[in-house]
């Protein structure tokens, strides 16, 4: 296996781990937030991360590697932190998700500067666009206190 191929697999696998971590954190947030407009958007974002895992895993396999199948230890910590934030309310939960998305934005941006094949960069660039959209939406939701204007019905 060429060193370039090994590097490509390592970089994609690292992104896959970050996306696995995000899926777990989004699941925790979704379970804690009952405001429909926020919950449904977080479900869309979780779906984006699931798609990222599928697409990047295909690239890794195509180059002879084995993609990670589950979150890393870091992901378990992120999920736990999101769960704790969820106990404190919507704003702390969204703040935890903002922190997670900032990390993902940095990771995807970093990979765009690497010398990777054009078709791989295209997937990474598209996923990075998703990450930018996620972060912007979460920041706007926090700034406008979206949960106060879209009150969840009481059970």
N, C-alpha and C. Protein backbone atom coordinates (compact mmCIF):
# COMPACT_ATOMS: atom_id res chain seq x y z
N UNK A 1 0.86 -1.19 0.00
CA UNK A 1 0.00 0.00 0.00
C UNK A 1 0.90 1.25 0.00
N UNK A 2 0.68 2.12 -0.94
CA UNK A 2 1.48 3.34 -1.04
C UNK A 2 1.24 4.24 0.17
N UNK A 3 2.26 5.00 0.51
CA UNK A 3 2.14 5.90 1.67
C UNK A 3 1.00 6.90 1.46
N UNK A 4 0.82 7.34 0.21
CA UNK A 4 -0.27 8.29 -0.07
C UNK A 4 -1.63 7.65 0.20
N UNK A 5 -1.75 6.37 -0.19
CA UNK A 5 -3.01 5.66 0.05
C UNK A 5 -3.22 5.47 1.54
N UNK A 6 -2.16 5.13 2.24
CA UNK A 6 -2.25 4.95 3.70
C UNK A 6 -2.68 6.26 4.36
N UNK A 7 -2.12 7.37 3.94
CA UNK A 7 -2.47 8.69 4.48
C UNK A 7 -3.94 9.02 4.19
N UNK A 8 -4.38 8.74 2.97
CA UNK A 8 -5.77 8.99 2.58
C UNK A 8 -6.70 8.20 3.50
N UNK A 9 -6.41 6.93 3.72
CA UNK A 9 -7.24 6.09 4.58
C UNK A 9 -7.25 6.63 6.01
N UNK A 10 -6.08 6.99 6.52
CA UNK A 10 -6.00 7.53 7.88
C UNK A 10 -6.83 8.80 8.04
N UNK A 11 -6.72 9.70 7.07
CA UNK A 11 -7.45 10.97 7.16
C UNK A 11 -8.96 10.74 7.06
N UNK A 12 -9.39 9.90 6.13
CA UNK A 12 -10.83 9.61 6.01
C UNK A 12 -11.34 8.89 7.25
N UNK A 13 -10.56 7.94 7.77
CA UNK A 13 -10.99 7.24 8.98
C UNK A 13 -11.11 8.18 10.17
N UNK A 14 -10.23 9.16 10.24
CA UNK A 14 -10.33 10.13 11.33
C UNK A 14 -11.63 10.93 11.20
N UNK A 15 -11.95 11.36 9.98
CA UNK A 15 -13.22 12.07 9.77
C UNK A 15 -14.41 11.18 10.10
N UNK A 16 -14.33 9.91 9.73
CA UNK A 16 -15.42 8.97 10.04
C UNK A 16 -15.62 8.90 11.56
N UNK A 17 -14.53 8.84 12.31
CA UNK A 17 -14.64 8.80 13.77
C UNK A 17 -15.32 10.06 14.30
N UNK A 18 -14.94 11.21 13.76
CA UNK A 18 -15.57 12.46 14.19
C UNK A 18 -17.07 12.44 13.86
N UNK A 19 -17.43 11.92 12.68
CA UNK A 19 -18.85 11.85 12.32
C UNK A 19 -19.59 10.85 13.19
N UNK A 20 -18.98 9.71 13.50
CA UNK A 20 -19.60 8.76 14.44
C UNK A 20 -19.84 9.45 15.78
N UNK A 21 -18.84 10.19 16.23
CA UNK A 21 -18.96 10.92 17.51
C UNK A 21 -20.15 11.88 17.45
N UNK A 22 -20.28 12.59 16.34
CA UNK A 22 -21.36 13.56 16.17
C UNK A 22 -22.73 12.87 16.18
N UNK A 23 -22.82 11.71 15.55
CA UNK A 23 -24.10 10.98 15.51
C UNK A 23 -24.56 10.68 16.94
N UNK A 24 -23.64 10.22 17.78
CA UNK A 24 -23.99 9.93 19.18
C UNK A 24 -24.42 11.18 19.93
N UNK A 25 -23.69 12.27 19.72
CA UNK A 25 -24.04 13.52 20.40
C UNK A 25 -25.40 14.02 19.92
N UNK A 26 -25.65 13.95 18.61
CA UNK A 26 -26.96 14.39 18.10
C UNK A 26 -28.07 13.52 18.66
N UNK A 27 -27.84 12.22 18.78
CA UNK A 27 -28.87 11.35 19.33
C UNK A 27 -29.24 11.77 20.75
N UNK A 28 -28.23 12.08 21.55
CA UNK A 28 -28.49 12.54 22.92
C UNK A 28 -29.29 13.85 22.91
N UNK A 29 -28.89 14.78 22.06
CA UNK A 29 -29.59 16.07 21.99
C UNK A 29 -31.04 15.88 21.55
N UNK A 30 -31.25 15.04 20.55
CA UNK A 30 -32.60 14.80 20.04
C UNK A 30 -33.49 14.21 21.14
N UNK A 31 -32.93 13.32 21.94
CA UNK A 31 -33.70 12.70 23.02
C UNK A 31 -34.08 13.70 24.11
N UNK A 32 -33.31 14.77 24.25
CA UNK A 32 -33.54 15.74 25.33
C UNK A 32 -34.37 16.95 24.91
N UNK A 33 -34.45 17.21 23.61
CA UNK A 33 -35.13 18.42 23.14
C UNK A 33 -36.50 18.04 22.58
N UNK A 34 -37.54 18.66 23.15
CA UNK A 34 -38.88 18.34 22.68
C UNK A 34 -39.52 19.48 21.87
N UNK A 35 -38.76 20.51 21.57
CA UNK A 35 -39.27 21.58 20.71
C UNK A 35 -39.18 21.08 19.27
N UNK A 36 -40.32 20.86 18.61
CA UNK A 36 -40.32 20.20 17.30
C UNK A 36 -39.40 20.84 16.24
N UNK A 37 -39.39 22.15 16.14
CA UNK A 37 -38.60 22.79 15.10
C UNK A 37 -37.11 22.55 15.31
N UNK A 38 -36.68 22.48 16.56
CA UNK A 38 -35.26 22.23 16.86
C UNK A 38 -34.96 20.74 16.70
N UNK A 39 -35.81 19.93 17.27
CA UNK A 39 -35.61 18.48 17.21
C UNK A 39 -35.54 18.00 15.76
N UNK A 40 -36.44 18.45 14.92
CA UNK A 40 -36.45 17.99 13.53
C UNK A 40 -35.19 18.43 12.79
N UNK A 41 -34.69 19.62 13.09
CA UNK A 41 -33.47 20.08 12.43
C UNK A 41 -32.27 19.25 12.89
N UNK A 42 -32.23 18.93 14.17
CA UNK A 42 -31.14 18.09 14.68
C UNK A 42 -31.19 16.69 14.06
N UNK A 43 -32.39 16.19 13.80
CA UNK A 43 -32.53 14.90 13.13
C UNK A 43 -31.97 14.96 11.71
N UNK A 44 -32.20 16.07 11.02
CA UNK A 44 -31.64 16.27 9.68
C UNK A 44 -30.11 16.28 9.76
N UNK A 45 -29.57 16.99 10.73
CA UNK A 45 -28.11 17.08 10.88
C UNK A 45 -27.51 15.71 11.21
N UNK A 46 -28.19 14.96 12.08
CA UNK A 46 -27.71 13.60 12.39
C UNK A 46 -27.68 12.77 11.10
N UNK A 47 -28.70 12.93 10.27
CA UNK A 47 -28.73 12.22 8.99
C UNK A 47 -27.57 12.61 8.08
N UNK A 48 -27.20 13.88 8.10
CA UNK A 48 -26.03 14.31 7.32
C UNK A 48 -24.78 13.58 7.80
N UNK A 49 -24.60 13.49 9.11
CA UNK A 49 -23.43 12.80 9.66
C UNK A 49 -23.45 11.31 9.31
N UNK A 50 -24.63 10.70 9.31
CA UNK A 50 -24.74 9.30 8.91
C UNK A 50 -24.34 9.13 7.45
N UNK A 51 -24.75 10.07 6.60
CA UNK A 51 -24.36 10.04 5.18
C UNK A 51 -22.86 10.21 5.04
N UNK A 52 -22.26 11.11 5.83
CA UNK A 52 -20.81 11.31 5.77
C UNK A 52 -20.09 10.00 6.07
N UNK A 53 -20.56 9.27 7.09
CA UNK A 53 -19.93 8.00 7.45
C UNK A 53 -20.02 7.02 6.26
N UNK A 54 -21.18 6.94 5.64
CA UNK A 54 -21.37 6.02 4.51
C UNK A 54 -20.44 6.40 3.35
N UNK A 55 -20.42 7.67 2.99
CA UNK A 55 -19.61 8.11 1.86
C UNK A 55 -18.12 7.94 2.12
N UNK A 56 -17.67 8.36 3.28
CA UNK A 56 -16.24 8.24 3.60
C UNK A 56 -15.82 6.78 3.77
N UNK A 57 -16.71 5.96 4.32
CA UNK A 57 -16.41 4.53 4.47
C UNK A 57 -16.24 3.88 3.11
N UNK A 58 -17.05 4.28 2.14
CA UNK A 58 -16.92 3.74 0.78
C UNK A 58 -15.56 4.10 0.19
N UNK A 59 -15.11 5.32 0.43
CA UNK A 59 -13.79 5.75 -0.07
C UNK A 59 -12.69 4.91 0.58
N UNK A 60 -12.78 4.71 1.89
CA UNK A 60 -11.78 3.92 2.61
C UNK A 60 -11.73 2.50 2.05
N UNK A 61 -12.88 1.88 1.87
CA UNK A 61 -12.92 0.51 1.33
C UNK A 61 -12.38 0.46 -0.09
N UNK A 62 -12.72 1.47 -0.88
CA UNK A 62 -12.27 1.55 -2.27
C UNK A 62 -10.73 1.59 -2.33
N UNK A 63 -10.10 2.13 -1.31
CA UNK A 63 -8.64 2.23 -1.27
C UNK A 63 -8.00 1.13 -0.43
N UNK A 64 -8.79 0.10 -0.10
CA UNK A 64 -8.24 -1.07 0.58
C UNK A 64 -8.18 -0.99 2.09
N UNK A 65 -8.85 -0.01 2.69
CA UNK A 65 -8.84 0.14 4.13
C UNK A 65 -10.10 -0.38 4.79
N UNK A 66 -10.11 -0.33 6.10
CA UNK A 66 -11.28 -0.73 6.90
C UNK A 66 -11.74 0.48 7.71
N UNK A 67 -12.94 0.97 7.44
CA UNK A 67 -13.44 2.14 8.18
C UNK A 67 -13.87 1.76 9.59
N UNK A 68 -13.75 2.71 10.54
CA UNK A 68 -14.23 2.44 11.90
C UNK A 68 -15.75 2.32 11.88
N UNK A 69 -16.25 1.42 12.72
CA UNK A 69 -17.68 1.13 12.73
C UNK A 69 -18.42 1.78 13.89
N UNK A 70 -17.69 2.40 14.83
CA UNK A 70 -18.35 2.95 16.01
C UNK A 70 -17.58 4.18 16.51
N UNK A 71 -18.18 4.93 17.41
CA UNK A 71 -17.52 6.13 17.95
C UNK A 71 -16.23 5.79 18.70
N UNK A 72 -15.38 6.76 18.78
CA UNK A 72 -14.14 6.62 19.53
C UNK A 72 -14.40 6.92 21.01
N UNK A 73 -13.37 6.78 21.83
CA UNK A 73 -13.48 7.16 23.25
C UNK A 73 -13.86 8.63 23.35
N UNK A 74 -13.32 9.44 22.44
CA UNK A 74 -13.64 10.87 22.39
C UNK A 74 -15.15 11.05 22.16
N UNK A 75 -15.72 10.19 21.32
CA UNK A 75 -17.14 10.27 21.03
C UNK A 75 -18.00 9.94 22.23
N UNK A 76 -17.55 9.00 23.02
CA UNK A 76 -18.29 8.64 24.24
C UNK A 76 -18.29 9.83 25.20
N UNK A 77 -17.17 10.52 25.28
CA UNK A 77 -17.08 11.72 26.13
C UNK A 77 -18.01 12.80 25.60
N UNK A 78 -18.00 13.05 24.27
CA UNK A 78 -18.88 14.07 23.69
C UNK A 78 -20.35 13.73 23.94
N UNK A 79 -20.70 12.47 23.77
CA UNK A 79 -22.07 12.03 23.99
C UNK A 79 -22.47 12.25 25.45
N UNK A 80 -21.57 11.92 26.36
CA UNK A 80 -21.84 12.10 27.79
C UNK A 80 -22.00 13.58 28.13
N UNK A 81 -21.14 14.42 27.57
CA UNK A 81 -21.23 15.86 27.83
C UNK A 81 -22.55 16.42 27.28
N UNK A 82 -22.97 15.93 26.12
CA UNK A 82 -24.24 16.39 25.55
C UNK A 82 -25.40 15.92 26.42
N UNK A 83 -25.29 14.70 26.92
CA UNK A 83 -26.34 14.17 27.80
C UNK A 83 -26.47 15.02 29.06
N UNK A 84 -25.33 15.37 29.64
CA UNK A 84 -25.33 16.22 30.85
C UNK A 84 -25.93 17.59 30.52
N UNK A 85 -25.51 18.17 29.39
CA UNK A 85 -26.07 19.47 28.97
C UNK A 85 -27.58 19.36 28.79
N UNK A 86 -28.03 18.21 28.28
CA UNK A 86 -29.46 18.00 28.06
C UNK A 86 -30.27 18.06 29.33
N UNK A 87 -29.64 17.70 30.42
CA UNK A 87 -30.32 17.76 31.71
C UNK A 87 -30.53 19.19 32.18
N UNK A 88 -29.76 20.11 31.61
CA UNK A 88 -29.83 21.52 32.02
C UNK A 88 -30.71 22.36 31.11
N UNK A 89 -31.17 21.80 30.00
CA UNK A 89 -32.07 22.54 29.14
C UNK A 89 -31.59 22.65 27.70
N UNK A 90 -32.41 23.32 26.90
CA UNK A 90 -32.14 23.42 25.47
C UNK A 90 -30.90 24.25 25.18
N UNK A 91 -30.77 25.40 25.82
CA UNK A 91 -29.61 26.26 25.50
C UNK A 91 -28.28 25.55 25.79
N UNK A 92 -28.10 24.93 26.96
CA UNK A 92 -26.84 24.21 27.18
C UNK A 92 -26.63 23.06 26.19
N UNK A 93 -27.71 22.40 25.81
CA UNK A 93 -27.61 21.31 24.84
C UNK A 93 -27.14 21.85 23.49
N UNK A 94 -27.75 22.94 23.04
CA UNK A 94 -27.33 23.53 21.77
C UNK A 94 -25.91 24.08 21.86
N UNK A 95 -25.53 24.59 23.02
CA UNK A 95 -24.15 25.07 23.20
C UNK A 95 -23.16 23.91 23.07
N UNK A 96 -23.52 22.76 23.63
CA UNK A 96 -22.66 21.57 23.49
C UNK A 96 -22.57 21.16 22.02
N UNK A 97 -23.70 21.23 21.31
CA UNK A 97 -23.69 20.86 19.90
C UNK A 97 -22.89 21.87 19.08
N UNK A 98 -22.95 23.14 19.46
CA UNK A 98 -22.15 24.16 18.78
C UNK A 98 -20.66 23.83 18.94
N UNK A 99 -20.26 23.47 20.13
CA UNK A 99 -18.87 23.10 20.39
C UNK A 99 -18.46 21.91 19.53
N UNK A 100 -19.32 20.90 19.46
CA UNK A 100 -19.05 19.73 18.63
C UNK A 100 -18.91 20.11 17.17
N UNK A 101 -19.80 20.96 16.68
CA UNK A 101 -19.76 21.36 15.27
C UNK A 101 -18.54 22.21 14.95
N UNK A 102 -18.08 23.00 15.91
CA UNK A 102 -16.85 23.78 15.68
C UNK A 102 -15.68 22.84 15.44
N UNK A 103 -15.61 21.78 16.23
CA UNK A 103 -14.53 20.80 16.07
C UNK A 103 -14.64 20.13 14.70
N UNK A 104 -15.84 19.74 14.32
CA UNK A 104 -16.03 19.10 13.01
C UNK A 104 -15.67 20.04 11.87
N UNK A 105 -16.05 21.30 11.98
CA UNK A 105 -15.69 22.28 10.95
C UNK A 105 -14.17 22.37 10.81
N UNK A 106 -13.47 22.42 11.94
CA UNK A 106 -12.00 22.49 11.91
C UNK A 106 -11.41 21.25 11.25
N UNK A 107 -11.95 20.09 11.58
CA UNK A 107 -11.42 18.83 11.04
C UNK A 107 -11.63 18.74 9.53
N UNK A 108 -12.81 19.09 9.06
CA UNK A 108 -13.07 19.05 7.62
C UNK A 108 -12.24 20.10 6.88
N UNK A 109 -12.15 21.29 7.44
CA UNK A 109 -11.36 22.34 6.81
C UNK A 109 -9.89 21.92 6.69
N UNK A 110 -9.38 21.31 7.74
CA UNK A 110 -7.99 20.84 7.75
C UNK A 110 -7.75 19.84 6.61
N UNK A 111 -8.69 18.93 6.38
CA UNK A 111 -8.53 17.90 5.34
C UNK A 111 -8.61 18.50 3.94
N UNK A 112 -9.29 19.62 3.79
CA UNK A 112 -9.36 20.25 2.47
C UNK A 112 -8.01 20.78 2.01
N UNK A 113 -7.11 21.05 2.96
CA UNK A 113 -5.80 21.59 2.59
C UNK A 113 -4.80 20.47 2.23
N UNK A 114 -5.19 19.22 2.40
CA UNK A 114 -4.30 18.10 2.10
C UNK A 114 -4.30 17.79 0.61
N UNK A 115 -3.25 17.15 0.18
CA UNK A 115 -3.12 16.74 -1.23
C UNK A 115 -3.81 15.39 -1.41
N UNK A 116 -5.12 15.43 -1.58
CA UNK A 116 -5.93 14.23 -1.75
C UNK A 116 -6.51 14.22 -3.17
N UNK A 117 -6.87 13.04 -3.67
CA UNK A 117 -7.48 12.97 -5.01
C UNK A 117 -8.72 13.86 -5.11
N UNK A 118 -8.96 14.39 -6.29
CA UNK A 118 -10.07 15.33 -6.51
C UNK A 118 -11.42 14.77 -6.07
N UNK A 119 -11.69 13.49 -6.36
CA UNK A 119 -12.99 12.91 -6.00
C UNK A 119 -13.15 12.80 -4.48
N UNK A 120 -12.05 12.61 -3.77
CA UNK A 120 -12.10 12.56 -2.30
C UNK A 120 -12.31 13.96 -1.75
N UNK A 121 -11.58 14.92 -2.31
CA UNK A 121 -11.74 16.31 -1.87
C UNK A 121 -13.16 16.81 -2.11
N UNK A 122 -13.77 16.35 -3.20
CA UNK A 122 -15.14 16.76 -3.50
C UNK A 122 -16.10 16.30 -2.40
N UNK A 123 -15.95 15.07 -1.94
CA UNK A 123 -16.79 14.55 -0.85
C UNK A 123 -16.52 15.34 0.43
N UNK A 124 -15.24 15.56 0.72
CA UNK A 124 -14.87 16.29 1.94
C UNK A 124 -15.40 17.72 1.88
N UNK A 125 -15.31 18.35 0.71
CA UNK A 125 -15.81 19.73 0.57
C UNK A 125 -17.33 19.78 0.77
N UNK A 126 -18.04 18.81 0.22
CA UNK A 126 -19.50 18.77 0.38
C UNK A 126 -19.87 18.56 1.85
N UNK A 127 -19.15 17.66 2.52
CA UNK A 127 -19.41 17.41 3.94
C UNK A 127 -19.07 18.65 4.77
N UNK A 128 -17.99 19.32 4.41
CA UNK A 128 -17.61 20.55 5.11
C UNK A 128 -18.71 21.60 4.96
N UNK A 129 -19.32 21.67 3.79
CA UNK A 129 -20.45 22.58 3.58
C UNK A 129 -21.59 22.25 4.53
N UNK A 130 -21.84 20.96 4.74
CA UNK A 130 -22.87 20.55 5.71
C UNK A 130 -22.49 21.03 7.11
N UNK A 131 -21.22 20.85 7.47
CA UNK A 131 -20.77 21.25 8.81
C UNK A 131 -20.93 22.76 9.02
N UNK A 132 -20.61 23.53 7.99
CA UNK A 132 -20.77 24.99 8.09
C UNK A 132 -22.24 25.34 8.28
N UNK A 133 -23.11 24.66 7.55
CA UNK A 133 -24.56 24.90 7.66
C UNK A 133 -25.06 24.51 9.05
N UNK A 134 -24.60 23.39 9.58
CA UNK A 134 -25.01 22.96 10.92
C UNK A 134 -24.62 24.01 11.96
N UNK A 135 -23.37 24.44 11.90
CA UNK A 135 -22.87 25.41 12.88
C UNK A 135 -23.64 26.72 12.78
N UNK A 136 -23.85 27.19 11.56
CA UNK A 136 -24.58 28.46 11.38
C UNK A 136 -25.99 28.36 11.95
N UNK A 137 -26.67 27.24 11.70
CA UNK A 137 -28.05 27.09 12.19
C UNK A 137 -28.06 27.05 13.72
N UNK A 138 -27.16 26.28 14.31
CA UNK A 138 -27.12 26.18 15.77
C UNK A 138 -26.82 27.54 16.39
N UNK A 139 -25.85 28.24 15.83
CA UNK A 139 -25.52 29.58 16.36
C UNK A 139 -26.71 30.52 16.26
N UNK A 140 -27.44 30.46 15.15
CA UNK A 140 -28.62 31.32 15.00
C UNK A 140 -29.71 30.91 15.98
N UNK A 141 -29.90 29.62 16.17
CA UNK A 141 -30.92 29.14 17.12
C UNK A 141 -30.61 29.63 18.53
N UNK A 142 -29.34 29.62 18.91
CA UNK A 142 -28.95 30.11 20.23
C UNK A 142 -29.14 31.63 20.30
N UNK A 143 -28.67 32.32 19.28
CA UNK A 143 -28.75 33.79 19.27
C UNK A 143 -30.19 34.28 19.33
N UNK A 144 -31.09 33.62 18.62
CA UNK A 144 -32.50 34.06 18.59
C UNK A 144 -33.36 33.37 19.66
N UNK A 145 -32.72 32.46 20.43
CA UNK A 145 -33.42 31.71 21.47
C UNK A 145 -34.68 31.04 20.87
N UNK A 146 -34.46 30.29 19.82
CA UNK A 146 -35.52 29.67 19.04
C UNK A 146 -36.50 28.87 19.90
N UNK A 147 -36.04 28.24 20.95
CA UNK A 147 -36.91 27.45 21.82
C UNK A 147 -37.94 28.30 22.54
N UNK A 148 -37.71 29.60 22.66
CA UNK A 148 -38.69 30.47 23.33
C UNK A 148 -39.79 30.92 22.38
N UNK A 149 -39.51 30.91 21.10
CA UNK A 149 -40.51 31.34 20.13
C UNK A 149 -41.28 30.16 19.54
N UNK A 150 -40.77 28.97 19.73
CA UNK A 150 -41.44 27.76 19.26
C UNK A 150 -41.62 26.83 20.46
N UNK A 151 -42.56 27.18 21.29
CA UNK A 151 -42.79 26.46 22.54
C UNK A 151 -43.36 25.08 22.25
N UNK A 152 -42.79 24.09 22.89
CA UNK A 152 -43.30 22.72 22.73
C UNK A 152 -44.61 22.57 23.49
N UNK A 153 -45.51 21.79 22.95
CA UNK A 153 -46.78 21.56 23.67
C UNK A 153 -46.52 20.78 24.96
N UNK A 154 -47.31 21.08 25.98
CA UNK A 154 -47.16 20.35 27.23
C UNK A 154 -47.89 19.02 27.11
N UNK A 155 -47.31 17.99 27.71
CA UNK A 155 -47.95 16.65 27.59
C UNK A 155 -49.24 16.57 28.34
